[in-house]
Structure formats: C-alpha cells, structure tokens
N, C-alpha and C. Protein backbone atom coordinates (compact mmCIF):
# COMPACT_ATOMS: atom_id res chain seq x y z
N MET A 1 245.38 -0.15 146.82
CA MET A 1 246.67 0.11 147.44
C MET A 1 247.61 0.70 146.40
N GLY A 2 247.59 1.98 146.22
CA GLY A 2 248.54 2.67 145.37
C GLY A 2 248.44 2.34 143.90
N ARG A 3 249.22 3.03 143.12
CA ARG A 3 249.26 2.87 141.67
C ARG A 3 247.86 2.89 141.07
N SER A 4 247.08 3.85 141.52
CA SER A 4 245.70 3.99 141.06
C SER A 4 245.54 5.28 140.26
N LEU A 5 244.50 5.31 139.43
CA LEU A 5 244.22 6.47 138.59
C LEU A 5 242.77 6.90 138.71
N VAL A 6 242.54 8.19 138.54
CA VAL A 6 241.20 8.73 138.29
C VAL A 6 241.29 9.34 136.90
N VAL A 7 240.41 8.87 135.99
CA VAL A 7 240.44 9.30 134.60
C VAL A 7 239.11 9.95 134.27
N ASP A 8 239.14 11.12 133.61
CA ASP A 8 237.89 11.80 133.27
C ASP A 8 237.27 11.20 132.02
N PRO A 9 236.06 11.61 131.65
CA PRO A 9 235.37 11.02 130.49
C PRO A 9 236.11 11.18 129.16
N ASP A 10 237.02 12.18 129.09
CA ASP A 10 237.80 12.38 127.87
C ASP A 10 239.03 11.48 127.83
N GLY A 11 239.30 10.75 128.92
CA GLY A 11 240.45 9.87 128.98
C GLY A 11 241.68 10.51 129.58
N ASP A 12 241.55 11.73 130.09
CA ASP A 12 242.68 12.41 130.72
C ASP A 12 242.80 11.99 132.18
N VAL A 13 244.05 11.78 132.62
CA VAL A 13 244.30 11.42 134.01
C VAL A 13 244.12 12.68 134.87
N VAL A 14 243.21 12.59 135.83
CA VAL A 14 242.91 13.71 136.73
C VAL A 14 243.77 13.64 137.99
N ASP A 15 243.97 12.43 138.49
CA ASP A 15 244.75 12.22 139.71
C ASP A 15 245.34 10.83 139.66
N GLN A 16 246.46 10.65 140.33
CA GLN A 16 247.06 9.33 140.36
C GLN A 16 247.93 9.16 141.59
N ILE A 17 248.07 7.93 142.01
CA ILE A 17 248.96 7.55 143.09
C ILE A 17 250.02 6.65 142.46
N LEU A 18 251.25 7.09 142.47
CA LEU A 18 252.31 6.36 141.77
C LEU A 18 253.02 5.33 142.62
N ASP A 19 252.91 5.44 143.95
CA ASP A 19 253.61 4.49 144.80
C ASP A 19 252.62 3.47 145.37
N ASP A 20 253.09 2.64 146.28
CA ASP A 20 252.25 1.60 146.87
C ASP A 20 251.61 2.03 148.18
N SER A 21 251.51 3.34 148.40
CA SER A 21 250.96 3.82 149.67
C SER A 21 249.46 3.54 149.77
N ASN A 22 248.99 3.48 151.00
CA ASN A 22 247.58 3.29 151.27
C ASN A 22 246.94 4.67 151.31
N THR A 23 246.41 5.12 150.18
CA THR A 23 245.92 6.48 150.02
C THR A 23 244.49 6.47 149.49
N VAL A 24 243.69 7.41 149.94
CA VAL A 24 242.32 7.55 149.45
C VAL A 24 242.28 8.75 148.50
N MET A 25 241.78 8.52 147.28
CA MET A 25 241.59 9.60 146.32
C MET A 25 240.10 9.88 146.22
N HIS A 26 239.77 11.09 145.87
CA HIS A 26 238.37 11.40 145.60
C HIS A 26 238.32 12.36 144.41
N SER A 27 237.22 12.31 143.73
CA SER A 27 237.04 13.16 142.56
C SER A 27 235.56 13.43 142.37
N ILE A 28 235.26 14.55 141.77
CA ILE A 28 233.87 14.90 141.45
C ILE A 28 233.60 14.47 140.01
N ILE A 29 232.53 13.71 139.84
CA ILE A 29 232.17 13.22 138.51
C ILE A 29 231.14 14.15 137.89
N ASP A 30 231.44 14.64 136.71
CA ASP A 30 230.52 15.48 135.96
C ASP A 30 229.67 14.57 135.07
N PHE A 31 228.52 14.16 135.58
CA PHE A 31 227.69 13.20 134.84
C PHE A 31 227.12 13.80 133.55
N ASP A 32 226.99 15.12 133.49
CA ASP A 32 226.56 15.74 132.23
C ASP A 32 227.63 15.54 131.16
N ARG A 33 228.91 15.67 131.56
CA ARG A 33 230.01 15.44 130.62
C ARG A 33 230.07 13.97 130.21
N VAL A 34 229.85 13.07 131.15
CA VAL A 34 229.82 11.63 130.83
C VAL A 34 228.74 11.36 129.78
N ALA A 35 227.56 11.91 129.98
CA ALA A 35 226.46 11.71 129.03
C ALA A 35 226.80 12.30 127.67
N GLN A 36 227.44 13.47 127.67
CA GLN A 36 227.83 14.11 126.41
C GLN A 36 228.84 13.25 125.64
N ILE A 37 229.82 12.70 126.35
CA ILE A 37 230.82 11.83 125.72
C ILE A 37 230.16 10.58 125.16
N ARG A 38 229.24 10.01 125.92
CA ARG A 38 228.55 8.80 125.45
C ARG A 38 227.70 9.09 124.22
N ARG A 39 227.13 10.29 124.15
CA ARG A 39 226.31 10.68 122.99
C ARG A 39 227.16 10.98 121.77
N ASN A 40 228.23 11.75 121.96
CA ASN A 40 228.95 12.34 120.82
C ASN A 40 230.37 11.84 120.61
N GLY A 41 230.90 11.04 121.51
CA GLY A 41 232.29 10.61 121.40
C GLY A 41 233.22 11.67 121.97
N THR A 42 234.47 11.30 122.16
CA THR A 42 235.42 12.22 122.80
C THR A 42 235.78 13.41 121.92
N ALA A 43 235.73 13.26 120.62
CA ALA A 43 236.04 14.37 119.73
C ALA A 43 234.80 15.20 119.40
N GLY A 44 233.65 14.75 119.86
CA GLY A 44 232.42 15.47 119.58
C GLY A 44 231.90 15.28 118.18
N VAL A 45 232.50 14.36 117.44
CA VAL A 45 232.10 14.18 116.04
C VAL A 45 231.72 12.75 115.70
N ASN A 46 231.73 11.88 116.69
CA ASN A 46 231.53 10.46 116.39
C ASN A 46 230.44 9.87 117.28
N ARG A 47 229.55 9.15 116.68
CA ARG A 47 228.53 8.39 117.41
C ARG A 47 228.65 6.95 116.96
N MET A 48 229.77 6.31 117.38
CA MET A 48 230.14 5.03 116.81
C MET A 48 229.09 3.94 116.92
N TRP A 49 228.32 3.91 118.01
CA TRP A 49 227.33 2.84 118.14
C TRP A 49 226.19 3.02 117.15
N GLU A 50 225.91 4.25 116.76
CA GLU A 50 224.83 4.48 115.79
C GLU A 50 225.27 4.18 114.36
N GLN A 51 226.56 3.89 114.17
CA GLN A 51 227.05 3.58 112.83
C GLN A 51 226.76 2.13 112.44
N PHE A 52 226.38 1.30 113.41
CA PHE A 52 226.08 -0.09 113.08
C PHE A 52 224.86 -0.16 112.17
N LEU A 53 224.97 -1.01 111.16
CA LEU A 53 223.85 -1.30 110.28
C LEU A 53 223.43 -2.74 110.55
N PRO A 54 222.15 -3.07 110.38
CA PRO A 54 221.68 -4.43 110.69
C PRO A 54 222.43 -5.53 109.97
N ASN A 55 222.97 -5.26 108.78
CA ASN A 55 223.65 -6.31 108.01
C ASN A 55 225.16 -6.35 108.25
N ASP A 56 225.69 -5.51 109.16
CA ASP A 56 227.12 -5.54 109.48
C ASP A 56 227.46 -6.86 110.16
N PRO A 57 228.69 -7.35 109.98
CA PRO A 57 229.08 -8.61 110.62
C PRO A 57 229.21 -8.44 112.13
N VAL A 58 229.09 -9.55 112.83
CA VAL A 58 229.28 -9.58 114.27
C VAL A 58 230.72 -9.20 114.57
N ILE A 59 230.93 -8.42 115.62
CA ILE A 59 232.27 -8.01 116.04
C ILE A 59 232.63 -8.84 117.26
N ASN A 60 233.57 -9.76 117.10
CA ASN A 60 234.02 -10.58 118.21
C ASN A 60 234.99 -9.80 119.09
N LEU A 61 234.82 -9.94 120.39
CA LEU A 61 235.67 -9.28 121.37
C LEU A 61 236.29 -10.34 122.28
N PRO A 62 237.27 -11.10 121.76
CA PRO A 62 237.80 -12.24 122.52
C PRO A 62 238.43 -11.84 123.85
N ILE A 63 239.04 -10.69 123.92
CA ILE A 63 239.67 -10.29 125.18
C ILE A 63 238.63 -10.10 126.29
N TYR A 64 237.38 -9.78 125.90
CA TYR A 64 236.29 -9.60 126.86
C TYR A 64 235.36 -10.81 126.91
N ALA A 65 235.69 -11.85 126.15
CA ALA A 65 234.86 -13.05 126.07
C ALA A 65 233.43 -12.70 125.66
N GLY A 66 233.32 -11.83 124.67
CA GLY A 66 231.99 -11.43 124.22
C GLY A 66 232.01 -11.01 122.76
N ARG A 67 230.93 -10.39 122.35
CA ARG A 67 230.81 -9.91 120.97
C ARG A 67 229.70 -8.87 120.89
N ILE A 68 229.71 -8.11 119.81
CA ILE A 68 228.66 -7.14 119.53
C ILE A 68 227.98 -7.59 118.25
N ASN A 69 226.68 -7.78 118.32
CA ASN A 69 225.90 -8.16 117.15
C ASN A 69 225.12 -6.92 116.70
N PRO A 70 225.51 -6.31 115.56
CA PRO A 70 224.82 -5.09 115.10
C PRO A 70 223.32 -5.26 114.89
N ARG A 71 222.86 -6.49 114.67
CA ARG A 71 221.42 -6.70 114.48
C ARG A 71 220.63 -6.47 115.77
N THR A 72 221.28 -6.74 116.90
CA THR A 72 220.56 -6.64 118.18
C THR A 72 221.13 -5.56 119.10
N TRP A 73 222.23 -4.92 118.70
CA TRP A 73 222.88 -3.94 119.56
C TRP A 73 222.01 -2.69 119.72
N ARG A 74 221.93 -2.25 120.95
CA ARG A 74 221.27 -0.99 121.27
C ARG A 74 222.17 -0.25 122.24
N PRO A 75 222.44 1.04 122.02
CA PRO A 75 223.29 1.78 122.96
C PRO A 75 222.79 1.62 124.39
N GLY A 76 223.74 1.41 125.30
CA GLY A 76 223.40 1.25 126.71
C GLY A 76 223.19 -0.19 127.13
N MET A 77 223.14 -1.10 126.15
CA MET A 77 222.98 -2.52 126.46
C MET A 77 224.30 -3.21 126.23
N ASN A 78 224.63 -4.19 127.01
CA ASN A 78 225.87 -4.94 126.87
C ASN A 78 225.60 -6.28 126.23
N LYS A 79 225.57 -6.32 124.92
CA LYS A 79 225.35 -7.58 124.20
C LYS A 79 226.52 -7.85 123.32
C-alpha cells in the first residue's frame, strides 16, 4: 500500500509510489545485470565475497541475527 520502491541492481530507484495509494507497480528485471553485479560489485571492480581468507575473523551481523564465517562462507550461501 504505497510508499514502495523498485530498485535496480545498481541501487538506483527505478520507480516509486510516494503516497499511500493502492497502486500496482511493475518492472522488468535484467537478470544478466543482476548476475554481473553479484560477480563484480556495483563499481565493477570489487568481488568482496572472494576477499575472505580462511583465517579472517567471523563477521557478526547483529541486526540480521546472523554472522559470516570466512572459513565456511561460499558465495550464494547464507551462512
């Protein structure tokens, strides 16, 4: 119900509903672009998940009630 966003893989707002109206939005998802962003990062120069080394400390994510353990992390898995 309103105040909704459609955001592209680069983080840019494509469409939005600013009021409380009952509105349906639609958008075309470019899954090739999504895959490219996941591989290379938004700037095209970063592969942050591949930067983990097995001896890096665990990264706690308290806001998500989880953590990332570099020893067991694999891209595409939610650990």
